[in-house]
C-alpha atoms as a PDB file:
ATOM      1  CA  MET A   1     -32.777 -35.196 -40.191  1.00  0.00           C
ATOM      2  CA  ARG A   2     -32.168 -31.494 -40.673  1.00  0.00           C
ATOM      3  CA  VAL A   3     -33.273 -30.462 -37.216  1.00  0.00           C
ATOM      4  CA  ASN A   4     -30.980 -28.365 -35.052  1.00  0.00           C
ATOM      5  CA  LEU A   5     -32.334 -29.293 -31.622  1.00  0.00           C
ATOM      6  CA  LEU A   6     -30.540 -27.904 -28.600  1.00  0.00           C
ATOM      7  CA  ASN A   7     -29.869 -30.220 -25.694  1.00  0.00           C
ATOM      8  CA  ARG A   8     -32.892 -29.880 -23.469  1.00  0.00           C
ATOM      9  CA  PHE A   9     -32.481 -29.065 -19.805  1.00  0.00           C
ATOM     10  CA  VAL A  10     -35.038 -28.887 -17.025  1.00  0.00           C
ATOM     11  CA  LEU A  11     -35.328 -26.022 -14.576  1.00  0.00           C
ATOM     12  CA  SER A  12     -37.516 -26.037 -11.506  1.00  0.00           C
ATOM     13  CA  LYS A  13     -40.255 -23.466 -11.201  1.00  0.00           C
ATOM     14  CA  THR A  14     -38.155 -21.674  -8.589  1.00  0.00           C
ATOM     15  CA  SER A  15     -35.059 -21.457 -10.786  1.00  0.00           C
ATOM     16  CA  ILE A  16     -37.092 -20.199 -13.732  1.00  0.00           C
ATOM     17  CA  GLN A  17     -38.665 -17.521 -11.583  1.00  0.00           C
ATOM     18  CA  GLN A  18     -35.235 -16.501 -10.309  1.00  0.00           C
ATOM     19  CA  ALA A  19     -34.003 -16.166 -13.882  1.00  0.00           C
ATOM     20  CA  LEU A  20     -37.048 -14.112 -14.743  1.00  0.00           C
ATOM     21  CA  ARG A  21     -36.547 -11.790 -11.798  1.00  0.00           C
ATOM     22  CA  ARG A  22     -32.993 -11.188 -12.961  1.00  0.00           C
ATOM     23  CA  ASN A  23     -33.699 -10.758 -16.632  1.00  0.00           C
ATOM     24  CA  VAL A  24     -37.201 -10.800 -18.016  1.00  0.00           C
ATOM     25  CA  MET A  25     -39.934  -9.660 -15.687  1.00  0.00           C
ATOM     26  CA  THR A  26     -40.262  -6.512 -17.765  1.00  0.00           C
ATOM     27  CA  THR A  27     -38.751  -5.527 -21.068  1.00  0.00           C
ATOM     28  CA  SER A  28     -36.830  -2.691 -19.409  1.00  0.00           C
ATOM     29  CA  GLN A  29     -35.084  -5.166 -17.084  1.00  0.00           C
ATOM     30  CA  ILE A  30     -33.738  -7.397 -19.837  1.00  0.00           C
ATOM     31  CA  PRO A  31     -30.001  -6.838 -20.321  1.00  0.00           C
ATOM     32  CA  GLN A  32     -29.006  -5.406 -23.655  1.00  0.00           C
ATOM     33  CA  GLY A  33     -26.169  -7.863 -24.256  1.00  0.00           C
ATOM     34  CA  VAL A  34     -27.735  -8.621 -27.616  1.00  0.00           C
ATOM     35  CA  SER A  35     -28.200  -5.271 -29.320  1.00  0.00           C
ATOM     36  CA  ASP A  36     -31.304  -4.152 -31.134  1.00  0.00           C
ATOM     37  CA  ARG A  37     -28.996  -3.901 -34.128  1.00  0.00           C
ATOM     38  CA  ILE A  38     -29.461  -7.614 -34.754  1.00  0.00           C
ATOM     39  CA  LEU A  39     -32.797  -6.624 -36.308  1.00  0.00           C
ATOM     40  CA  ASP A  40     -31.381  -3.847 -38.505  1.00  0.00           C
ATOM     41  CA  ASN A  41     -31.423  -5.909 -41.702  1.00  0.00           C
ATOM     42  CA  CYS A  42     -34.684  -7.712 -40.983  1.00  0.00           C
ATOM     43  CA  ASP A  43     -38.069  -7.184 -42.583  1.00  0.00           C
ATOM     44  CA  VAL A  44     -39.766  -4.094 -41.110  1.00  0.00           C
ATOM     45  CA  THR A  45     -43.125  -5.803 -40.583  1.00  0.00           C
ATOM     46  CA  GLN A  46     -41.541  -8.783 -38.864  1.00  0.00           C
ATOM     47  CA  VAL A  47     -39.492  -6.478 -36.627  1.00  0.00           C
ATOM     48  CA  GLN A  48     -42.711  -4.785 -35.482  1.00  0.00           C
ATOM     49  CA  LEU A  49     -44.228  -8.175 -34.651  1.00  0.00           C
ATOM     50  CA  MET A  50     -41.220  -8.879 -32.439  1.00  0.00           C
ATOM     51  CA  LYS A  51     -42.616  -6.255 -30.045  1.00  0.00           C
ATOM     52  CA  GLU A  52     -45.704  -8.335 -29.234  1.00  0.00           C
ATOM     53  CA  GLU A  53     -45.897  -9.486 -25.604  1.00  0.00           C
ATOM     54  CA  CYS A  54     -45.866 -13.254 -25.173  1.00  0.00           C
ATOM     55  CA  ILE A  55     -46.911 -15.177 -22.059  1.00  0.00           C
ATOM     56  CA  LEU A  56     -44.071 -16.446 -19.862  1.00  0.00           C
ATOM     57  CA  ILE A  57     -44.737 -19.734 -18.072  1.00  0.00           C
ATOM     58  CA  ASP A  58     -43.083 -22.301 -15.860  1.00  0.00           C
ATOM     59  CA  GLU A  59     -42.792 -25.979 -16.796  1.00  0.00           C
ATOM     60  CA  ASN A  60     -46.293 -26.600 -15.421  1.00  0.00           C
ATOM     61  CA  ASP A  61     -47.682 -24.031 -17.885  1.00  0.00           C
ATOM     62  CA  LYS A  62     -48.450 -21.525 -15.122  1.00  0.00           C
ATOM     63  CA  GLN A  63     -48.110 -17.875 -16.114  1.00  0.00           C
ATOM     64  CA  ILE A  64     -45.210 -16.142 -14.353  1.00  0.00           C
ATOM     65  CA  GLY A  65     -44.820 -12.977 -16.434  1.00  0.00           C
ATOM     66  CA  SER A  66     -44.580 -11.644 -19.961  1.00  0.00           C
ATOM     67  CA  ALA A  67     -41.865 -10.593 -22.383  1.00  0.00           C
ATOM     68  CA  SER A  68     -41.588  -9.396 -25.956  1.00  0.00           C
ATOM     69  CA  LYS A  69     -41.563 -11.926 -28.762  1.00  0.00           C
ATOM     70  CA  LYS A  70     -37.995 -10.822 -29.474  1.00  0.00           C
ATOM     71  CA  ASN A  71     -36.794 -11.516 -25.943  1.00  0.00           C
ATOM     72  CA  CYS A  72     -38.634 -14.836 -25.817  1.00  0.00           C
ATOM     73  CA  HIS A  73     -36.781 -16.049 -28.904  1.00  0.00           C
ATOM     74  CA  LEU A  74     -33.238 -14.911 -28.120  1.00  0.00           C
ATOM     75  CA  LEU A  75     -30.997 -17.862 -27.262  1.00  0.00           C
ATOM     76  CA  GLU A  76     -29.345 -15.614 -24.673  1.00  0.00           C
ATOM     77  CA  ASN A  77     -32.609 -15.682 -22.707  1.00  0.00           C
ATOM     78  CA  ILE A  78     -33.681 -19.231 -23.620  1.00  0.00           C
ATOM     79  CA  ASN A  79     -30.450 -20.533 -22.122  1.00  0.00           C
ATOM     80  CA  LYS A  80     -31.384 -18.791 -18.852  1.00  0.00           C
ATOM     81  CA  GLY A  81     -34.634 -20.751 -18.684  1.00  0.00           C
ATOM     82  CA  LEU A  82     -37.097 -18.528 -20.525  1.00  0.00           C
ATOM     83  CA  LEU A  83     -40.197 -20.482 -21.551  1.00  0.00           C
ATOM     84  CA  HIS A  84     -43.342 -19.179 -23.255  1.00  0.00           C
ATOM     85  CA  ARG A  85     -46.766 -20.404 -24.334  1.00  0.00           C
ATOM     86  CA  ALA A  86     -47.485 -21.280 -27.962  1.00  0.00           C
ATOM     87  CA  PHE A  87     -49.865 -23.236 -30.182  1.00  0.00           C
ATOM     88  CA  SER A  88     -49.760 -25.331 -33.336  1.00  0.00           C
ATOM     89  CA  VAL A  89     -52.811 -25.629 -35.586  1.00  0.00           C
ATOM     90  CA  PHE A  90     -53.341 -28.654 -37.830  1.00  0.00           C
ATOM     91  CA  LEU A  91     -56.121 -27.919 -40.315  1.00  0.00           C
ATOM     92  CA  PHE A  92     -57.514 -30.728 -42.468  1.00  0.00           C
ATOM     93  CA  ASN A  93     -59.944 -30.417 -45.364  1.00  0.00           C
ATOM     94  CA  GLN A  94     -62.988 -32.662 -45.681  1.00  0.00           C
ATOM     95  CA  GLU A  95     -60.927 -35.109 -47.748  1.00  0.00           C
ATOM     96  CA  GLY A  96     -58.640 -35.560 -44.750  1.00  0.00           C
ATOM     97  CA  GLN A  97     -55.634 -33.768 -46.230  1.00  0.00           C
ATOM     98  CA  LEU A  98     -53.430 -31.638 -43.959  1.00  0.00           C
ATOM     99  CA  LEU A  99     -52.698 -28.022 -44.870  1.00  0.00           C
ATOM    100  CA  LEU A 100     -48.969 -27.268 -44.654  1.00  0.00           C
ATOM    101  CA  GLN A 101     -47.382 -23.865 -45.013  1.00  0.00           C
ATOM    102  CA  GLN A 102     -43.885 -22.780 -45.931  1.00  0.00           C
ATOM    103  CA  ARG A 103     -42.814 -19.869 -43.770  1.00  0.00           C
ATOM    104  CA  SER A 104     -41.793 -16.778 -45.712  1.00  0.00           C
ATOM    105  CA  ASP A 105     -38.204 -15.717 -46.281  1.00  0.00           C
ATOM    106  CA  ALA A 106     -39.052 -12.552 -44.308  1.00  0.00           C
ATOM    107  CA  LYS A 107     -39.510 -14.493 -41.068  1.00  0.00           C
ATOM    108  CA  ILE A 108     -36.802 -13.919 -38.459  1.00  0.00           C
ATOM    109  CA  THR A 109     -37.159 -17.372 -36.924  1.00  0.00           C
ATOM    110  CA  PHE A 110     -37.277 -20.480 -39.107  1.00  0.00           C
ATOM    111  CA  PRO A 111     -37.519 -18.665 -42.468  1.00  0.00           C
ATOM    112  CA  ASP A 112     -38.350 -20.814 -45.505  1.00  0.00           C
ATOM    113  CA  ASN A 113     -39.188 -23.807 -43.252  1.00  0.00           C
ATOM    114  CA  PHE A 114     -42.151 -26.051 -43.997  1.00  0.00           C
ATOM    115  CA  THR A 115     -44.452 -26.637 -41.059  1.00  0.00           C
ATOM    116  CA  ASN A 116     -48.006 -27.377 -39.976  1.00  0.00           C
ATOM    117  CA  THR A 117     -50.891 -25.068 -40.844  1.00  0.00           C
ATOM    118  CA  CYS A 118     -50.169 -22.293 -38.346  1.00  0.00           C
ATOM    119  CA  CYS A 119     -47.750 -21.904 -35.425  1.00  0.00           C
ATOM    120  CA  SER A 120     -47.743 -18.869 -33.170  1.00  0.00           C
ATOM    121  CA  HIS A 121     -48.334 -17.529 -29.654  1.00  0.00           C
ATOM    122  CA  PRO A 122     -51.202 -16.274 -27.525  1.00  0.00           C
ATOM    123  CA  LEU A 123     -50.427 -12.744 -26.386  1.00  0.00           C
ATOM    124  CA  ASN A 124     -50.407 -11.147 -22.945  1.00  0.00           C
ATOM    125  CA  THR A 125     -53.921  -9.736 -23.334  1.00  0.00           C
ATOM    126  CA  ASP A 126     -57.000 -10.502 -21.261  1.00  0.00           C
ATOM    127  CA  PRO A 127     -58.847 -12.453 -24.015  1.00  0.00           C
ATOM    128  CA  GLU A 128     -55.820 -14.622 -24.816  1.00  0.00           C
ATOM    129  CA  LEU A 129     -54.756 -15.135 -21.191  1.00  0.00           C
ATOM    130  CA  GLU A 130     -58.059 -16.827 -20.326  1.00  0.00           C
ATOM    131  CA  GLU A 131     -57.262 -20.470 -19.628  1.00  0.00           C
ATOM    132  CA  GLY A 132     -60.547 -22.375 -19.222  1.00  0.00           C
ATOM    133  CA  ASN A 133     -60.717 -25.071 -21.928  1.00  0.00           C
ATOM    134  CA  ALA A 134     -57.784 -23.291 -23.617  1.00  0.00           C
ATOM    135  CA  ILE A 135     -60.156 -20.566 -24.806  1.00  0.00           C
ATOM    136  CA  GLY A 136     -57.415 -17.904 -24.842  1.00  0.00           C
ATOM    137  CA  VAL A 137     -55.184 -20.091 -26.989  1.00  0.00           C
ATOM    138  CA  ARG A 138     -58.075 -20.876 -29.330  1.00  0.00           C
ATOM    139  CA  ARG A 139     -58.815 -17.160 -29.710  1.00  0.00           C
ATOM    140  CA  ALA A 140     -55.165 -16.592 -30.586  1.00  0.00           C
ATOM    141  CA  ALA A 141     -55.296 -19.391 -33.146  1.00  0.00           C
ATOM    142  CA  GLN A 142     -58.346 -17.834 -34.792  1.00  0.00           C
ATOM    143  CA  ARG A 143     -56.544 -14.478 -34.924  1.00  0.00           C
ATOM    144  CA  LYS A 144     -53.412 -15.948 -36.504  1.00  0.00           C
ATOM    145  CA  LEU A 145     -55.277 -18.026 -39.095  1.00  0.00           C
ATOM    146  CA  LYS A 146     -56.747 -14.749 -40.300  1.00  0.00           C
ATOM    147  CA  HIS A 147     -53.388 -12.939 -40.176  1.00  0.00           C
ATOM    148  CA  GLU A 148     -51.287 -15.582 -41.926  1.00  0.00           C
ATOM    149  CA  LEU A 149     -53.678 -17.437 -44.206  1.00  0.00           C
ATOM    150  CA  GLY A 150     -56.628 -15.090 -44.577  1.00  0.00           C
ATOM    151  CA  ILE A 151     -59.053 -17.585 -43.016  1.00  0.00           C
ATOM    152  CA  SER A 152     -61.822 -15.397 -41.639  1.00  0.00           C
ATOM    153  CA  PRO A 153     -63.416 -15.909 -38.206  1.00  0.00           C
ATOM    154  CA  GLU A 154     -66.682 -16.453 -40.061  1.00  0.00           C
ATOM    155  CA  GLN A 155     -65.145 -19.599 -41.560  1.00  0.00           C
ATOM    156  CA  VAL A 156     -63.511 -20.887 -38.370  1.00  0.00           C
ATOM    157  CA  SER A 157     -65.004 -20.224 -34.945  1.00  0.00           C
ATOM    158  CA  VAL A 158     -63.120 -20.790 -31.699  1.00  0.00           C
ATOM    159  CA  ASP A 159     -65.429 -23.751 -31.059  1.00  0.00           C
ATOM    160  CA  ASP A 160     -64.167 -25.466 -34.218  1.00  0.00           C
ATOM    161  CA  PHE A 161     -60.720 -26.042 -32.685  1.00  0.00           C
ATOM    162  CA  LYS A 162     -60.154 -29.360 -30.915  1.00  0.00           C
ATOM    163  CA  TYR A 163     -57.556 -28.966 -28.163  1.00  0.00           C
ATOM    164  CA  LEU A 164     -55.713 -32.294 -27.923  1.00  0.00           C
ATOM    165  CA  THR A 165     -52.717 -31.893 -25.616  1.00  0.00           C
ATOM    166  CA  ARG A 166     -49.507 -29.926 -24.940  1.00  0.00           C
ATOM    167  CA  ILE A 167     -45.879 -30.553 -25.805  1.00  0.00           C
ATOM    168  CA  GLN A 168     -42.685 -28.912 -24.565  1.00  0.00           C
ATOM    169  CA  TYR A 169     -39.610 -28.610 -26.749  1.00  0.00           C
ATOM    170  CA  LYS A 170     -36.521 -26.496 -27.257  1.00  0.00           C
ATOM    171  CA  ALA A 171     -34.736 -25.825 -30.563  1.00  0.00           C
ATOM    172  CA  GLY A 172     -32.281 -23.492 -32.219  1.00  0.00           C
ATOM    173  CA  ASN A 173     -33.121 -21.496 -35.318  1.00  0.00           C
ATOM    174  CA  GLN A 174     -32.670 -23.012 -38.741  1.00  0.00           C
ATOM    175  CA  PRO A 175     -30.768 -22.114 -40.725  1.00  0.00           C
ATOM    176  CA  GLU A 176     -28.611 -21.975 -37.601  1.00  0.00           C
ATOM    177  CA  ASP A 177     -27.551 -18.465 -36.563  1.00  0.00           C
ATOM    178  CA  GLY A 178     -26.644 -18.727 -32.878  1.00  0.00           C
ATOM    179  CA  ILE A 179     -29.036 -15.866 -32.067  1.00  0.00           C
ATOM    180  CA  TRP A 180     -32.623 -17.130 -32.231  1.00  0.00           C
ATOM    181  CA  GLY A 181     -34.495 -20.202 -31.029  1.00  0.00           C
ATOM    182  CA  GLU A 182     -37.677 -21.582 -29.492  1.00  0.00           C
ATOM    183  CA  SER A 183     -38.495 -22.824 -26.002  1.00  0.00           C
ATOM    184  CA  GLU A 184     -42.224 -23.389 -25.711  1.00  0.00           C
ATOM    185  CA  ILE A 185     -45.113 -25.275 -24.267  1.00  0.00           C
ATOM    186  CA  ASP A 186     -47.166 -25.805 -27.386  1.00  0.00           C
ATOM    187  CA  TYR A 187     -50.937 -26.397 -27.426  1.00  0.00           C
ATOM    188  CA  ILE A 188     -51.968 -28.805 -30.199  1.00  0.00           C
ATOM    189  CA  LEU A 189     -55.164 -27.739 -31.972  1.00  0.00           C
ATOM    190  CA  PHE A 190     -56.922 -29.783 -34.678  1.00  0.00           C
ATOM    191  CA  ILE A 191     -59.650 -28.616 -37.005  1.00  0.00           C
ATOM    192  CA  GLN A 192     -61.327 -30.246 -40.009  1.00  0.00           C
ATOM    193  CA  LYS A 193     -63.010 -27.825 -42.359  1.00  0.00           C
ATOM    194  CA  ASP A 194     -62.893 -26.651 -45.957  1.00  0.00           C
ATOM    195  CA  VAL A 195     -61.731 -23.029 -45.963  1.00  0.00           C
ATOM    196  CA  ASP A 196     -60.920 -20.240 -48.399  1.00  0.00           C
ATOM    197  CA  LEU A 197     -57.358 -18.922 -48.233  1.00  0.00           C
ATOM    198  CA  ASN A 198     -56.026 -15.415 -48.817  1.00  0.00           C
ATOM    199  CA  ILE A 199     -52.311 -15.772 -48.139  1.00  0.00           C
ATOM    200  CA  ASN A 200     -50.292 -13.059 -46.388  1.00  0.00           C
ATOM    201  CA  THR A 201     -47.029 -13.326 -48.331  1.00  0.00           C
ATOM    202  CA  ASN A 202     -45.093 -11.600 -45.550  1.00  0.00           C
ATOM    203  CA  GLU A 203     -45.896 -14.653 -43.426  1.00  0.00           C
ATOM    204  CA  VAL A 204     -46.322 -17.528 -45.871  1.00  0.00           C
ATOM    205  CA  LYS A 205     -44.220 -18.355 -48.930  1.00  0.00           C
ATOM    206  CA  SER A 206     -46.257 -21.321 -50.166  1.00  0.00           C
ATOM    207  CA  TYR A 207     -48.805 -23.880 -49.022  1.00  0.00           C
ATOM    208  CA  ARG A 208     -50.068 -27.306 -49.975  1.00  0.00           C
ATOM    209  CA  TYR A 209     -52.530 -29.982 -48.863  1.00  0.00           C
ATOM    210  CA  LEU A 210     -51.028 -33.448 -48.338  1.00  0.00           C
ATOM    211  CA  SER A 211     -52.411 -36.887 -47.526  1.00  0.00           C
ATOM    212  CA  GLN A 212     -50.700 -39.072 -44.926  1.00  0.00           C
ATOM    213  CA  ASP A 213     -48.732 -40.974 -47.577  1.00  0.00           C
ATOM    214  CA  GLN A 214     -47.763 -37.753 -49.331  1.00  0.00           C
ATOM    215  CA  LEU A 215     -46.535 -36.232 -46.067  1.00  0.00           C
ATOM    216  CA  ARG A 216     -44.450 -39.317 -45.248  1.00  0.00           C
ATOM    217  CA  ASP A 217     -42.741 -39.045 -48.635  1.00  0.00           C
ATOM    218  CA  PHE A 218     -42.392 -35.256 -48.319  1.00  0.00           C
ATOM    219  CA  LEU A 219     -40.569 -35.584 -44.995  1.00  0.00           C
ATOM    220  CA  ALA A 220     -38.495 -38.588 -46.042  1.00  0.00           C
ATOM    221  CA  THR A 221     -37.081 -36.706 -49.042  1.00  0.00           C
ATOM    222  CA  SER A 222     -36.719 -33.297 -47.377  1.00  0.00           C
ATOM    223  CA  ASP A 223     -32.987 -33.565 -46.707  1.00  0.00           C
ATOM    224  CA  SER A 224     -32.087 -34.860 -50.149  1.00  0.00           C
ATOM    225  CA  GLU A 225     -34.248 -32.211 -51.798  1.00  0.00           C
ATOM    226  CA  GLY A 226     -33.039 -29.368 -49.584  1.00  0.00           C
ATOM    227  CA  ARG A 227     -36.270 -28.650 -47.705  1.00  0.00           C
ATOM    228  CA  LEU A 228     -36.170 -27.249 -44.178  1.00  0.00           C
ATOM    229  CA  ILE A 229     -38.756 -28.650 -41.739  1.00  0.00           C
ATOM    230  CA  THR A 230     -39.478 -26.901 -38.441  1.00  0.00           C
ATOM    231  CA  PRO A 231     -38.273 -28.936 -35.446  1.00  0.00           C
ATOM    232  CA  TRP A 232     -41.626 -28.861 -33.662  1.00  0.00           C
ATOM    233  CA  PHE A 233     -43.395 -30.245 -36.747  1.00  0.00           C
ATOM    234  CA  ARG A 234     -40.816 -33.044 -36.971  1.00  0.00           C
ATOM    235  CA  LEU A 235     -41.233 -33.879 -33.294  1.00  0.00           C
ATOM    236  CA  ILE A 236     -45.037 -33.867 -33.386  1.00  0.00           C
ATOM    237  CA  THR A 237     -45.093 -35.916 -36.580  1.00  0.00           C
ATOM    238  CA  ASP A 238     -42.618 -38.493 -35.278  1.00  0.00           C
ATOM    239  CA  ARG A 239     -44.477 -38.975 -31.984  1.00  0.00           C
ATOM    240  CA  PHE A 240     -48.172 -38.293 -32.508  1.00  0.00           C
ATOM    241  CA  LEU A 241     -49.454 -36.936 -35.809  1.00  0.00           C
ATOM    242  CA  TYR A 242     -50.347 -40.036 -37.791  1.00  0.00           C
ATOM    243  CA  LYS A 243     -52.187 -41.613 -34.849  1.00  0.00           C
ATOM    244  CA  TRP A 244     -54.225 -38.455 -34.329  1.00  0.00           C
ATOM    245  CA  TRP A 245     -54.778 -38.050 -38.069  1.00  0.00           C
ATOM    246  CA  SER A 246     -56.282 -41.536 -38.263  1.00  0.00           C
ATOM    247  CA  LYS A 247     -58.830 -40.542 -35.623  1.00  0.00           C
ATOM    248  CA  LEU A 248     -60.130 -37.273 -37.064  1.00  0.00           C
ATOM    249  CA  GLY A 249     -63.671 -38.500 -36.471  1.00  0.00           C
ATOM    250  CA  ASP A 250     -62.982 -39.438 -32.846  1.00  0.00           C
ATOM    251  CA  LEU A 251     -60.532 -36.870 -31.504  1.00  0.00           C
ATOM    252  CA  GLU A 252     -62.136 -36.816 -28.066  1.00  0.00           C
ATOM    253  CA  SER A 253     -60.518 -40.195 -27.386  1.00  0.00           C
ATOM    254  CA  GLU A 254     -57.085 -38.635 -28.005  1.00  0.00           C
ATOM    255  CA  MET A 255     -57.479 -35.595 -25.758  1.00  0.00           C
ATOM    256  CA  ASP A 256     -55.069 -35.356 -22.831  1.00  0.00           C
ATOM    257  CA  HIS A 257     -55.212 -32.005 -21.059  1.00  0.00           C
ATOM    258  CA  LYS A 258     -53.251 -33.122 -17.995  1.00  0.00           C
ATOM    259  CA  THR A 259     -49.952 -34.178 -19.555  1.00  0.00           C
ATOM    260  CA  ILE A 260     -47.248 -31.934 -20.990  1.00  0.00           C
ATOM    261  CA  TYR A 261     -45.170 -34.187 -23.238  1.00  0.00           C
ATOM    262  CA  LYS A 262     -41.476 -33.286 -23.216  1.00  0.00           C
ATOM    263  CA  LEU A 263     -40.060 -33.915 -26.681  1.00  0.00           C
ATOM    264  CA  SER A 264     -36.456 -33.734 -27.847  1.00  0.00           C
END
């Protein structure tokens, strides 16, 4: 499996907060050990997106601060306990096929990787901080479906998303660079709807709809055929996806909003 997972370690809420007080409570307090020059040769649009403010959380998914997308994804900070909130959307058409995307070559983290429909972060804004029934996360998912895939809010309302559960994982960038990574609590959102796509090529290189059997074959041959698969998509697929997929008509029975599944 071509997944560069870092060894996961657990920090208490107190130790995470101590790390945040030292390093990441505000952008100005974060040490500049890793220079801004690491972004000098990166895509200009993607560099701008690295300035977005993500939501910092403890391992119980309680907000404890905010930090830029850049600082959330630096291994230097991840290895000090930095954890942020994220989401993964799995969109199925009415035939029950899953929409996959291939991340663009312009992406700073996980470029050229195949993954689920949309993976991103709620931002540190009032609408996306709202937590009741994961409404803030669902608003963020609607925003990013429009941004990445051109799926308009008129096609997909926030009420169309089915919030299933949360996972926690930690992974290094791939291709491996020793600079970037992920450390997230990831909200899993399902939706079944036929949609029109208008791809943002700065975000998405390609896309395809796959059945369960097609996805199994796609993943099984990814190494031999030189395809990169995001670690979170591998983890979710290995543990949960096919069971959930088989219950698209009865997702309420699969909802678990109390547990945060720690995957590695």
